[in-house]
Amino acid sequence: MSAPCKQLQTEEQAVPQDSQSAEHTYNNLVSLWTSGVRDFHSLLATYLTANSIFVAAIGFLLARQPTTPVFTIVVMILCILGVLITLQMALVLARFDAQNALWEWQLRGIERTSQWGRRKLFVDLYRFRNQKEILRDEASIPSEFKPNWLLRQHRQWWARRAVSFPVYFGIIYVAFFIWGVTQLVM
């Protein structure tokens, strides 16, 4: 067994499973989760900007009249590069989405233990967001927090942007590429 694996096993055995250890792990996971969510949104914005620039460049080239074979080939090259960026976008965003879901799952696991005495933020978030349950807290005004229609639509449409945006841009690039092929053949 390699030295890092032996060290990891030793550290896992040395860590006591008390409330202070759970608190430390919880705080680390919250930091990882929040930075992962931030990085996901930052990457999404960056990829949307890059794809928008590519689509705008293709549109600018297509607006040139008359279209020449050279510009048609440039459009086709931009489409190929756009498809590659879109594939990269799908892979990276899916990775971050899965990673953030894992950390959130682990946080809910810590909150469900009998030793956990603090508020169960991630359990409540899961119940509210995924199970559409009403959250109740008598200390809050109003005492009930209900999931609304917008939350359901957000989870169905916008929350799947790691899949939907690459599909949208992929369709645009493929359509422009097919247009370029037909221009060169005709």
N, C-alpha and C. Protein backbone atom coordinates (compact mmCIF):
# COMPACT_ATOMS: atom_id res chain seq x y z
N MET A 1 0.85 -1.17 0.00
CA MET A 1 0.00 0.00 0.00
C MET A 1 0.89 1.24 0.00
N SER A 2 0.50 2.26 -0.72
CA SER A 2 1.33 3.46 -0.83
C SER A 2 1.29 4.27 0.47
N ALA A 3 2.28 5.13 0.64
CA ALA A 3 2.39 5.92 1.87
C ALA A 3 1.19 6.84 2.08
N PRO A 4 0.68 7.55 1.04
CA PRO A 4 -0.49 8.40 1.27
C PRO A 4 -1.71 7.61 1.72
N CYS A 5 -1.91 6.39 1.16
CA CYS A 5 -3.05 5.57 1.56
C CYS A 5 -2.93 5.13 3.01
N LYS A 6 -1.70 4.73 3.43
CA LYS A 6 -1.48 4.32 4.82
C LYS A 6 -1.72 5.51 5.75
N GLN A 7 -1.25 6.70 5.34
CA GLN A 7 -1.43 7.88 6.16
C GLN A 7 -2.91 8.21 6.30
N LEU A 8 -3.67 8.10 5.22
CA LEU A 8 -5.10 8.38 5.25
C LEU A 8 -5.82 7.40 6.17
N GLN A 9 -5.47 6.11 6.09
CA GLN A 9 -6.08 5.12 6.96
C GLN A 9 -5.76 5.42 8.43
N THR A 10 -4.53 5.81 8.72
CA THR A 10 -4.13 6.13 10.08
C THR A 10 -4.89 7.34 10.59
N GLU A 11 -5.04 8.37 9.74
CA GLU A 11 -5.78 9.56 10.14
C GLU A 11 -7.24 9.24 10.39
N GLU A 12 -7.84 8.39 9.54
CA GLU A 12 -9.24 8.04 9.73
C GLU A 12 -9.44 7.29 11.03
N GLN A 13 -8.49 6.41 11.40
CA GLN A 13 -8.61 5.66 12.63
C GLN A 13 -8.35 6.55 13.84
N ALA A 14 -7.53 7.58 13.69
CA ALA A 14 -7.17 8.44 14.81
C ALA A 14 -8.25 9.47 15.12
N VAL A 15 -9.12 9.78 14.17
CA VAL A 15 -10.14 10.81 14.38
C VAL A 15 -11.27 10.23 15.21
N PRO A 16 -11.51 10.78 16.40
CA PRO A 16 -12.63 10.30 17.20
C PRO A 16 -13.95 10.78 16.61
N GLN A 17 -14.98 9.98 16.76
CA GLN A 17 -16.29 10.32 16.21
C GLN A 17 -17.14 11.01 17.27
N ASP A 18 -16.68 12.17 17.75
CA ASP A 18 -17.44 12.92 18.73
C ASP A 18 -18.07 14.14 18.07
N SER A 19 -18.78 14.92 18.87
CA SER A 19 -19.50 16.06 18.31
C SER A 19 -18.55 17.14 17.80
N GLN A 20 -17.39 17.30 18.43
CA GLN A 20 -16.43 18.31 17.97
C GLN A 20 -15.87 17.93 16.61
N SER A 21 -15.60 16.65 16.40
CA SER A 21 -15.11 16.17 15.11
C SER A 21 -16.19 16.35 14.04
N ALA A 22 -17.43 16.02 14.38
CA ALA A 22 -18.54 16.20 13.42
C ALA A 22 -18.71 17.68 13.08
N GLU A 23 -18.56 18.53 14.07
CA GLU A 23 -18.67 19.99 13.84
C GLU A 23 -17.57 20.47 12.89
N HIS A 24 -16.36 19.98 13.09
CA HIS A 24 -15.23 20.36 12.23
C HIS A 24 -15.47 19.87 10.79
N THR A 25 -15.88 18.62 10.67
CA THR A 25 -16.18 18.06 9.34
C THR A 25 -17.31 18.82 8.68
N TYR A 26 -18.34 19.14 9.44
CA TYR A 26 -19.48 19.88 8.92
C TYR A 26 -19.04 21.25 8.39
N ASN A 27 -18.24 21.96 9.17
CA ASN A 27 -17.77 23.28 8.74
C ASN A 27 -16.92 23.19 7.47
N ASN A 28 -16.07 22.18 7.39
CA ASN A 28 -15.27 21.99 6.17
C ASN A 28 -16.15 21.70 4.96
N LEU A 29 -17.15 20.84 5.15
CA LEU A 29 -18.05 20.51 4.04
C LEU A 29 -18.88 21.71 3.62
N VAL A 30 -19.30 22.53 4.57
CA VAL A 30 -20.05 23.75 4.22
C VAL A 30 -19.17 24.67 3.37
N SER A 31 -17.90 24.79 3.76
CA SER A 31 -16.97 25.61 2.96
C SER A 31 -16.79 25.05 1.56
N LEU A 32 -16.64 23.73 1.45
CA LEU A 32 -16.50 23.11 0.14
C LEU A 32 -17.77 23.29 -0.69
N TRP A 33 -18.92 23.10 -0.06
CA TRP A 33 -20.19 23.23 -0.77
C TRP A 33 -20.39 24.65 -1.28
N THR A 34 -20.18 25.65 -0.43
CA THR A 34 -20.39 27.03 -0.85
C THR A 34 -19.41 27.44 -1.95
N SER A 35 -18.15 27.01 -1.82
CA SER A 35 -17.19 27.35 -2.88
C SER A 35 -17.52 26.60 -4.17
N GLY A 36 -18.03 25.38 -4.05
CA GLY A 36 -18.43 24.62 -5.23
C GLY A 36 -19.61 25.26 -5.95
N VAL A 37 -20.58 25.74 -5.19
CA VAL A 37 -21.73 26.43 -5.79
C VAL A 37 -21.26 27.71 -6.48
N ARG A 38 -20.38 28.45 -5.82
CA ARG A 38 -19.85 29.68 -6.41
C ARG A 38 -19.08 29.37 -7.69
N ASP A 39 -18.23 28.35 -7.66
CA ASP A 39 -17.45 27.98 -8.84
C ASP A 39 -18.35 27.50 -9.97
N PHE A 40 -19.41 26.76 -9.64
CA PHE A 40 -20.36 26.30 -10.65
C PHE A 40 -20.97 27.49 -11.39
N HIS A 41 -21.45 28.47 -10.63
CA HIS A 41 -22.08 29.64 -11.25
C HIS A 41 -21.07 30.49 -12.02
N SER A 42 -19.86 30.58 -11.51
CA SER A 42 -18.82 31.33 -12.21
C SER A 42 -18.48 30.66 -13.54
N LEU A 43 -18.33 29.33 -13.53
CA LEU A 43 -18.05 28.61 -14.77
C LEU A 43 -19.21 28.70 -15.75
N LEU A 44 -20.43 28.61 -15.23
CA LEU A 44 -21.60 28.73 -16.09
C LEU A 44 -21.60 30.08 -16.80
N ALA A 45 -21.34 31.14 -16.06
CA ALA A 45 -21.31 32.48 -16.67
C ALA A 45 -20.19 32.59 -17.70
N THR A 46 -19.04 32.01 -17.41
CA THR A 46 -17.91 32.06 -18.34
C THR A 46 -18.23 31.31 -19.62
N TYR A 47 -18.79 30.11 -19.49
CA TYR A 47 -19.14 29.33 -20.69
C TYR A 47 -20.26 29.98 -21.48
N LEU A 48 -21.23 30.59 -20.80
CA LEU A 48 -22.29 31.30 -21.52
C LEU A 48 -21.71 32.47 -22.29
N THR A 49 -20.77 33.18 -21.70
CA THR A 49 -20.12 34.30 -22.38
C THR A 49 -19.34 33.81 -23.60
N ALA A 50 -18.56 32.75 -23.42
CA ALA A 50 -17.76 32.22 -24.53
C ALA A 50 -18.66 31.75 -25.67
N ASN A 51 -19.72 31.02 -25.34
CA ASN A 51 -20.62 30.54 -26.38
C ASN A 51 -21.36 31.69 -27.05
N SER A 52 -21.73 32.69 -26.29
CA SER A 52 -22.40 33.85 -26.88
C SER A 52 -21.48 34.59 -27.84
N ILE A 53 -20.21 34.69 -27.50
CA ILE A 53 -19.24 35.34 -28.40
C ILE A 53 -19.09 34.54 -29.68
N PHE A 54 -19.01 33.21 -29.57
CA PHE A 54 -18.90 32.37 -30.76
C PHE A 54 -20.14 32.52 -31.65
N VAL A 55 -21.32 32.49 -31.05
CA VAL A 55 -22.55 32.62 -31.83
C VAL A 55 -22.62 34.00 -32.48
N ALA A 56 -22.21 35.04 -31.74
CA ALA A 56 -22.21 36.39 -32.31
C ALA A 56 -21.21 36.50 -33.47
N ALA A 57 -20.04 35.88 -33.32
CA ALA A 57 -19.04 35.90 -34.40
C ALA A 57 -19.58 35.19 -35.63
N ILE A 58 -20.25 34.06 -35.43
CA ILE A 58 -20.84 33.34 -36.57
C ILE A 58 -21.91 34.19 -37.23
N GLY A 59 -22.75 34.81 -36.41
CA GLY A 59 -23.79 35.69 -36.96
C GLY A 59 -23.21 36.87 -37.72
N PHE A 60 -22.12 37.44 -37.21
CA PHE A 60 -21.46 38.54 -37.90
C PHE A 60 -20.93 38.09 -39.26
N LEU A 61 -20.32 36.91 -39.30
CA LEU A 61 -19.79 36.39 -40.56
C LEU A 61 -20.92 36.07 -41.56
N LEU A 62 -22.04 35.57 -41.05
CA LEU A 62 -23.16 35.23 -41.93
C LEU A 62 -23.88 36.47 -42.44
N ALA A 63 -23.78 37.57 -41.69
CA ALA A 63 -24.43 38.80 -42.13
C ALA A 63 -23.72 39.44 -43.31
N ARG A 64 -22.50 39.02 -43.56
CA ARG A 64 -21.73 39.52 -44.71
C ARG A 64 -22.36 39.03 -46.00
N GLN A 65 -22.65 39.90 -46.86
CA GLN A 65 -23.24 39.50 -48.15
C GLN A 65 -22.29 39.91 -49.26
N PRO A 66 -22.04 39.16 -50.26
CA PRO A 66 -22.40 37.75 -50.38
C PRO A 66 -21.43 36.89 -49.58
N THR A 67 -21.88 35.73 -49.18
CA THR A 67 -21.01 34.83 -48.43
C THR A 67 -20.04 34.17 -49.40
N THR A 68 -18.80 34.11 -48.99
CA THR A 68 -17.76 33.49 -49.82
C THR A 68 -17.38 32.16 -49.19
N PRO A 69 -16.78 31.27 -49.98
CA PRO A 69 -16.37 29.97 -49.41
C PRO A 69 -15.41 30.11 -48.23
N VAL A 70 -14.56 31.13 -48.25
CA VAL A 70 -13.61 31.32 -47.15
C VAL A 70 -14.36 31.60 -45.85
N PHE A 71 -15.34 32.50 -45.91
CA PHE A 71 -16.11 32.81 -44.70
C PHE A 71 -16.98 31.63 -44.27
N THR A 72 -17.46 30.87 -45.22
CA THR A 72 -18.24 29.67 -44.89
C THR A 72 -17.37 28.66 -44.16
N ILE A 73 -16.13 28.49 -44.60
CA ILE A 73 -15.20 27.57 -43.92
C ILE A 73 -14.87 28.09 -42.52
N VAL A 74 -14.70 29.41 -42.37
CA VAL A 74 -14.44 29.98 -41.05
C VAL A 74 -15.64 29.73 -40.13
N VAL A 75 -16.85 29.88 -40.65
CA VAL A 75 -18.06 29.59 -39.86
C VAL A 75 -18.07 28.13 -39.42
N MET A 76 -17.72 27.24 -40.32
CA MET A 76 -17.71 25.81 -39.98
C MET A 76 -16.65 25.50 -38.92
N ILE A 77 -15.49 26.14 -39.00
CA ILE A 77 -14.45 25.94 -38.00
C ILE A 77 -14.92 26.47 -36.64
N LEU A 78 -15.56 27.65 -36.64
CA LEU A 78 -16.11 28.19 -35.39
C LEU A 78 -17.17 27.26 -34.81
N CYS A 79 -17.95 26.62 -35.67
CA CYS A 79 -18.97 25.67 -35.20
C CYS A 79 -18.32 24.45 -34.55
N ILE A 80 -17.27 23.95 -35.14
CA ILE A 80 -16.57 22.80 -34.56
C ILE A 80 -15.97 23.18 -33.21
N LEU A 81 -15.33 24.34 -33.14
CA LEU A 81 -14.78 24.80 -31.86
C LEU A 81 -15.89 25.04 -30.84
N GLY A 82 -17.02 25.57 -31.30
CA GLY A 82 -18.17 25.78 -30.42
C GLY A 82 -18.71 24.49 -29.86
N VAL A 83 -18.78 23.46 -30.68
CA VAL A 83 -19.24 22.15 -30.20
C VAL A 83 -18.27 21.61 -29.15
N LEU A 84 -16.97 21.78 -29.37
CA LEU A 84 -15.98 21.32 -28.39
C LEU A 84 -16.11 22.07 -27.07
N ILE A 85 -16.31 23.38 -27.14
CA ILE A 85 -16.51 24.17 -25.92
C ILE A 85 -17.79 23.74 -25.22
N THR A 86 -18.82 23.45 -26.00
CA THR A 86 -20.09 23.02 -25.43
C THR A 86 -19.96 21.66 -24.74
N LEU A 87 -19.21 20.74 -25.33
CA LEU A 87 -18.97 19.45 -24.68
C LEU A 87 -18.19 19.64 -23.38
N GLN A 88 -17.18 20.49 -23.43
CA GLN A 88 -16.42 20.78 -22.23
C GLN A 88 -17.32 21.40 -21.17
N MET A 89 -18.19 22.31 -21.58
CA MET A 89 -19.13 22.94 -20.66
C MET A 89 -20.01 21.89 -19.98
N ALA A 90 -20.53 20.97 -20.76
CA ALA A 90 -21.41 19.93 -20.20
C ALA A 90 -20.67 19.07 -19.20
N LEU A 91 -19.45 18.67 -19.52
CA LEU A 91 -18.68 17.81 -18.62
C LEU A 91 -18.28 18.52 -17.33
N VAL A 92 -17.80 19.74 -17.45
CA VAL A 92 -17.35 20.47 -16.26
C VAL A 92 -18.52 20.81 -15.35
N LEU A 93 -19.61 21.30 -15.93
CA LEU A 93 -20.76 21.66 -15.10
C LEU A 93 -21.39 20.43 -14.45
N ALA A 94 -21.44 19.32 -15.17
CA ALA A 94 -21.98 18.09 -14.59
C ALA A 94 -21.09 17.60 -13.44
N ARG A 95 -19.79 17.75 -13.60
CA ARG A 95 -18.87 17.35 -12.54
C ARG A 95 -19.08 18.19 -11.29
N PHE A 96 -19.16 19.51 -11.45
CA PHE A 96 -19.39 20.38 -10.30
C PHE A 96 -20.75 20.14 -9.67
N ASP A 97 -21.75 19.89 -10.48
CA ASP A 97 -23.09 19.62 -9.97
C ASP A 97 -23.08 18.35 -9.12
N ALA A 98 -22.44 17.31 -9.61
CA ALA A 98 -22.37 16.06 -8.86
C ALA A 98 -21.55 16.23 -7.58
N GLN A 99 -20.47 16.96 -7.68
CA GLN A 99 -19.61 17.20 -6.52
C GLN A 99 -20.38 17.96 -5.43
N ASN A 100 -21.10 19.00 -5.83
CA ASN A 100 -21.87 19.78 -4.87
C ASN A 100 -22.99 18.95 -4.26
N ALA A 101 -23.62 18.10 -5.06
CA ALA A 101 -24.67 17.21 -4.55
C ALA A 101 -24.10 16.23 -3.53
N LEU A 102 -22.88 15.73 -3.77
CA LEU A 102 -22.23 14.82 -2.83
C LEU A 102 -21.99 15.51 -1.49
N TRP A 103 -21.44 16.72 -1.53
CA TRP A 103 -21.18 17.43 -0.28
C TRP A 103 -22.48 17.75 0.45
N GLU A 104 -23.51 18.12 -0.29
CA GLU A 104 -24.80 18.39 0.34
C GLU A 104 -25.36 17.12 0.97
N TRP A 105 -25.20 16.00 0.31
CA TRP A 105 -25.65 14.70 0.83
C TRP A 105 -24.91 14.37 2.13
N GLN A 106 -23.60 14.60 2.14
CA GLN A 106 -22.82 14.33 3.35
C GLN A 106 -23.22 15.26 4.49
N LEU A 107 -23.50 16.51 4.16
CA LEU A 107 -23.95 17.46 5.19
C LEU A 107 -25.28 17.03 5.79
N ARG A 108 -26.20 16.56 4.94
CA ARG A 108 -27.48 16.07 5.46
C ARG A 108 -27.26 14.85 6.35
N GLY A 109 -26.30 14.00 6.00
CA GLY A 109 -25.98 12.84 6.83
C GLY A 109 -25.50 13.25 8.21
N ILE A 110 -24.65 14.26 8.28
CA ILE A 110 -24.17 14.74 9.58
C ILE A 110 -25.33 15.33 10.38
N GLU A 111 -26.19 16.10 9.72
CA GLU A 111 -27.32 16.72 10.42
C GLU A 111 -28.33 15.70 10.93
N ARG A 112 -28.39 14.54 10.33
CA ARG A 112 -29.36 13.51 10.75
C ARG A 112 -28.85 12.65 11.92
N THR A 113 -27.58 12.81 12.30
CA THR A 113 -27.07 12.02 13.42
C THR A 113 -27.69 12.49 14.73
N SER A 114 -27.71 11.61 15.71
CA SER A 114 -28.33 11.94 16.99
C SER A 114 -27.52 12.98 17.78
N GLN A 115 -26.21 13.08 17.50
CA GLN A 115 -25.36 14.04 18.22
C GLN A 115 -25.54 15.48 17.72
N TRP A 116 -26.15 15.66 16.56
CA TRP A 116 -26.25 16.99 15.96
C TRP A 116 -27.31 17.81 16.70
N GLY A 117 -26.87 18.90 17.32
CA GLY A 117 -27.78 19.72 18.11
C GLY A 117 -28.11 21.06 17.47
N ARG A 118 -27.45 21.39 16.40
CA ARG A 118 -27.70 22.68 15.74
C ARG A 118 -28.85 22.55 14.75
N ARG A 119 -29.18 23.67 14.10
CA ARG A 119 -30.23 23.66 13.08
C ARG A 119 -29.84 22.74 11.95
N LYS A 120 -30.83 22.16 11.34
CA LYS A 120 -30.59 21.22 10.25
C LYS A 120 -30.89 21.93 8.92
N LEU A 121 -29.98 22.80 8.54
CA LEU A 121 -30.16 23.64 7.36
C LEU A 121 -30.25 22.83 6.07
N PHE A 122 -29.38 21.88 5.90
CA PHE A 122 -29.35 21.12 4.64
C PHE A 122 -30.47 20.09 4.57
N VAL A 123 -30.86 19.56 5.72
CA VAL A 123 -32.04 18.67 5.73
C VAL A 123 -33.27 19.48 5.36
N ASP A 124 -33.41 20.68 5.95
CA ASP A 124 -34.55 21.54 5.62
C ASP A 124 -34.51 21.97 4.16
N LEU A 125 -33.33 22.32 3.66
CA LEU A 125 -33.20 22.73 2.26
C LEU A 125 -33.64 21.60 1.34
N TYR A 126 -33.23 20.38 1.64
CA TYR A 126 -33.61 19.22 0.83
C TYR A 126 -35.12 18.99 0.88
N ARG A 127 -35.67 19.04 2.09
CA ARG A 127 -37.12 18.83 2.24
C ARG A 127 -37.89 19.90 1.47
N PHE A 128 -37.44 21.14 1.54
CA PHE A 128 -38.13 22.25 0.89
C PHE A 128 -37.95 22.20 -0.63
N ARG A 129 -36.72 22.06 -1.06
CA ARG A 129 -36.40 22.15 -2.49
C ARG A 129 -36.76 20.88 -3.26
N ASN A 130 -36.41 19.73 -2.75
CA ASN A 130 -36.58 18.49 -3.50
C ASN A 130 -37.90 17.78 -3.20
N GLN A 131 -38.33 17.82 -1.95
CA GLN A 131 -39.54 17.11 -1.58
C GLN A 131 -40.76 18.03 -1.51
N LYS A 132 -40.54 19.33 -1.73
CA LYS A 132 -41.61 20.34 -1.74
C LYS A 132 -42.44 20.33 -0.46
N GLU A 133 -41.78 20.14 0.68
CA GLU A 133 -42.46 20.15 1.97
C GLU A 133 -42.50 21.57 2.52
N ILE A 134 -43.55 21.86 3.26
CA ILE A 134 -43.67 23.14 3.95
C ILE A 134 -42.76 23.10 5.18
N LEU A 135 -41.95 24.13 5.36
CA LEU A 135 -41.09 24.22 6.54
C LEU A 135 -41.82 25.03 7.60
N ARG A 136 -41.73 24.55 8.85
CA ARG A 136 -42.41 25.22 9.95
C ARG A 136 -41.38 25.63 11.01
N ASP A 137 -41.53 26.86 11.48
CA ASP A 137 -40.69 27.37 12.57
C ASP A 137 -41.53 28.41 13.30
N GLU A 138 -41.94 28.08 14.50
CA GLU A 138 -42.82 28.97 15.26
C GLU A 138 -42.14 30.29 15.61
N ALA A 139 -40.81 30.34 15.63
CA ALA A 139 -40.09 31.56 15.96
C ALA A 139 -40.04 32.54 14.79
N SER A 140 -40.35 32.06 13.59
CA SER A 140 -40.30 32.92 12.40
C SER A 140 -41.67 33.49 12.09
N ILE A 141 -41.69 34.60 11.38
CA ILE A 141 -42.95 35.20 10.92
C ILE A 141 -42.88 35.27 9.41
N PRO A 142 -43.77 34.64 8.68
CA PRO A 142 -44.82 33.72 9.13
C PRO A 142 -44.18 32.40 9.60
N SER A 143 -44.97 31.61 10.30
CA SER A 143 -44.44 30.39 10.91
C SER A 143 -44.28 29.26 9.89
N GLU A 144 -44.85 29.42 8.70
CA GLU A 144 -44.71 28.41 7.64
C GLU A 144 -44.05 29.03 6.42
N PHE A 145 -43.17 28.26 5.82
CA PHE A 145 -42.51 28.67 4.57
C PHE A 145 -42.88 27.64 3.52
N LYS A 146 -43.69 28.05 2.55
CA LYS A 146 -44.25 27.11 1.58
C LYS A 146 -43.49 27.19 0.25
N PRO A 147 -43.23 26.03 -0.35
CA PRO A 147 -42.66 26.06 -1.71
C PRO A 147 -43.73 26.53 -2.69
N ASN A 148 -43.36 27.38 -3.59
CA ASN A 148 -44.34 27.92 -4.54
C ASN A 148 -44.12 27.36 -5.94
N TRP A 149 -44.95 27.79 -6.85
CA TRP A 149 -44.90 27.34 -8.24
C TRP A 149 -43.54 27.64 -8.85
N LEU A 150 -43.00 28.81 -8.56
CA LEU A 150 -41.72 29.21 -9.14
C LEU A 150 -40.58 28.27 -8.73
N LEU A 151 -40.60 27.82 -7.49
CA LEU A 151 -39.57 26.88 -7.04
C LEU A 151 -39.65 25.58 -7.84
N ARG A 152 -40.86 25.09 -8.06
CA ARG A 152 -41.01 23.85 -8.83
C ARG A 152 -40.51 24.04 -10.26
N GLN A 153 -40.83 25.17 -10.88
CA GLN A 153 -40.38 25.41 -12.24
C GLN A 153 -38.88 25.60 -12.31
N HIS A 154 -38.34 26.27 -11.30
CA HIS A 154 -36.90 26.47 -11.26
C HIS A 154 -36.18 25.12 -11.22
N ARG A 155 -36.64 24.21 -10.40
CA ARG A 155 -36.01 22.90 -10.29
C ARG A 155 -36.16 22.10 -11.58
N GLN A 156 -37.27 22.28 -12.30
CA GLN A 156 -37.50 21.52 -13.52
C GLN A 156 -36.71 22.09 -14.70
N TRP A 157 -36.61 23.41 -14.80
CA TRP A 157 -36.01 24.04 -15.99
C TRP A 157 -34.61 24.56 -15.71
N TRP A 158 -34.51 25.55 -14.86
CA TRP A 158 -33.25 26.26 -14.68
C TRP A 158 -32.20 25.41 -13.98
N ALA A 159 -32.60 24.61 -13.03
CA ALA A 159 -31.63 23.83 -12.27
C ALA A 159 -30.94 22.78 -13.13
N ARG A 160 -31.48 22.46 -14.27
CA ARG A 160 -30.87 21.47 -15.17
C ARG A 160 -30.03 22.16 -16.25
N ARG A 161 -29.56 23.35 -15.96
CA ARG A 161 -28.81 24.12 -16.96
C ARG A 161 -27.49 23.48 -17.35
N ALA A 162 -26.97 22.59 -16.52
CA ALA A 162 -25.75 21.86 -16.88
C ALA A 162 -26.01 20.98 -18.09
N VAL A 163 -27.26 20.63 -18.33
CA VAL A 163 -27.64 19.83 -19.49
C VAL A 163 -28.27 20.70 -20.57
N SER A 164 -29.17 21.60 -20.15
CA SER A 164 -29.94 22.34 -21.15
C SER A 164 -29.11 23.34 -21.95
N PHE A 165 -28.23 24.09 -21.32
CA PHE A 165 -27.45 25.08 -22.07
C PHE A 165 -26.52 24.43 -23.09
N PRO A 166 -25.80 23.37 -22.75
CA PRO A 166 -25.00 22.71 -23.79
C PRO A 166 -25.86 22.19 -24.94
N VAL A 167 -27.06 21.69 -24.64
CA VAL A 167 -27.95 21.22 -25.71
C VAL A 167 -28.37 22.39 -26.60
N TYR A 168 -28.75 23.51 -26.01
CA TYR A 168 -29.16 24.67 -26.79
C TYR A 168 -28.04 25.15 -27.71
N PHE A 169 -26.86 25.34 -27.14
CA PHE A 169 -25.75 25.82 -27.96
C PHE A 169 -25.32 24.77 -28.97
N GLY A 170 -25.37 23.50 -28.60
CA GLY A 170 -25.04 22.44 -29.55
C GLY A 170 -25.96 22.45 -30.75
N ILE A 171 -27.24 22.67 -30.53
CA ILE A 171 -28.20 22.75 -31.64
C ILE A 171 -27.87 23.92 -32.55
N ILE A 172 -27.54 25.05 -31.96
CA ILE A 172 -27.19 26.23 -32.76
C ILE A 172 -25.95 25.96 -33.61
N TYR A 173 -24.91 25.38 -33.00
CA TYR A 173 -23.68 25.11 -33.74
C TYR A 173 -23.90 24.07 -34.85
N VAL A 174 -24.66 23.04 -34.56
CA VAL A 174 -24.92 22.02 -35.58
C VAL A 174 -25.73 22.60 -36.73
N ALA A 175 -26.70 23.45 -36.41
CA ALA A 175 -27.50 24.08 -37.48
C ALA A 175 -26.61 24.96 -38.37
N PHE A 176 -25.75 25.76 -37.76
CA PHE A 176 -24.84 26.59 -38.55
C PHE A 176 -23.86 25.74 -39.36
N PHE A 177 -23.40 24.64 -38.79
CA PHE A 177 -22.48 23.75 -39.50
C PHE A 177 -23.18 23.13 -40.71
N ILE A 178 -24.40 22.67 -40.53
CA ILE A 178 -25.17 22.10 -41.66
C ILE A 178 -25.38 23.17 -42.73
N TRP A 179 -25.67 24.39 -42.32
CA TRP A 179 -25.82 25.48 -43.28
C TRP A 179 -24.51 25.65 -44.06
N GLY A 180 -23.37 25.61 -43.36
CA GLY A 180 -22.07 25.78 -44.02
C GLY A 180 -21.80 24.67 -45.03
N VAL A 181 -22.13 23.44 -44.65
CA VAL A 181 -21.93 22.32 -45.57
C VAL A 181 -22.79 22.49 -46.82
N THR A 182 -24.03 22.88 -46.63
CA THR A 182 -24.91 23.05 -47.80
C THR A 182 -24.43 24.20 -48.68
N GLN A 183 -23.85 25.23 -48.09
CA GLN A 183 -23.31 26.34 -48.88
C GLN A 183 -22.11 25.92 -49.72
N LEU A 184 -21.27 25.06 -49.15
CA LEU A 184 -20.08 24.61 -49.89
C LEU A 184 -20.44 23.60 -50.97
N VAL A 185 -21.46 22.77 -50.71
CA VAL A 185 -21.84 21.74 -51.68
C VAL A 185 -22.59 22.35 -52.85
N MET A 186 -23.43 23.32 -52.60
CA MET A 186 -24.26 23.90 -53.66
C MET A 186 -23.51 24.88 -54.51
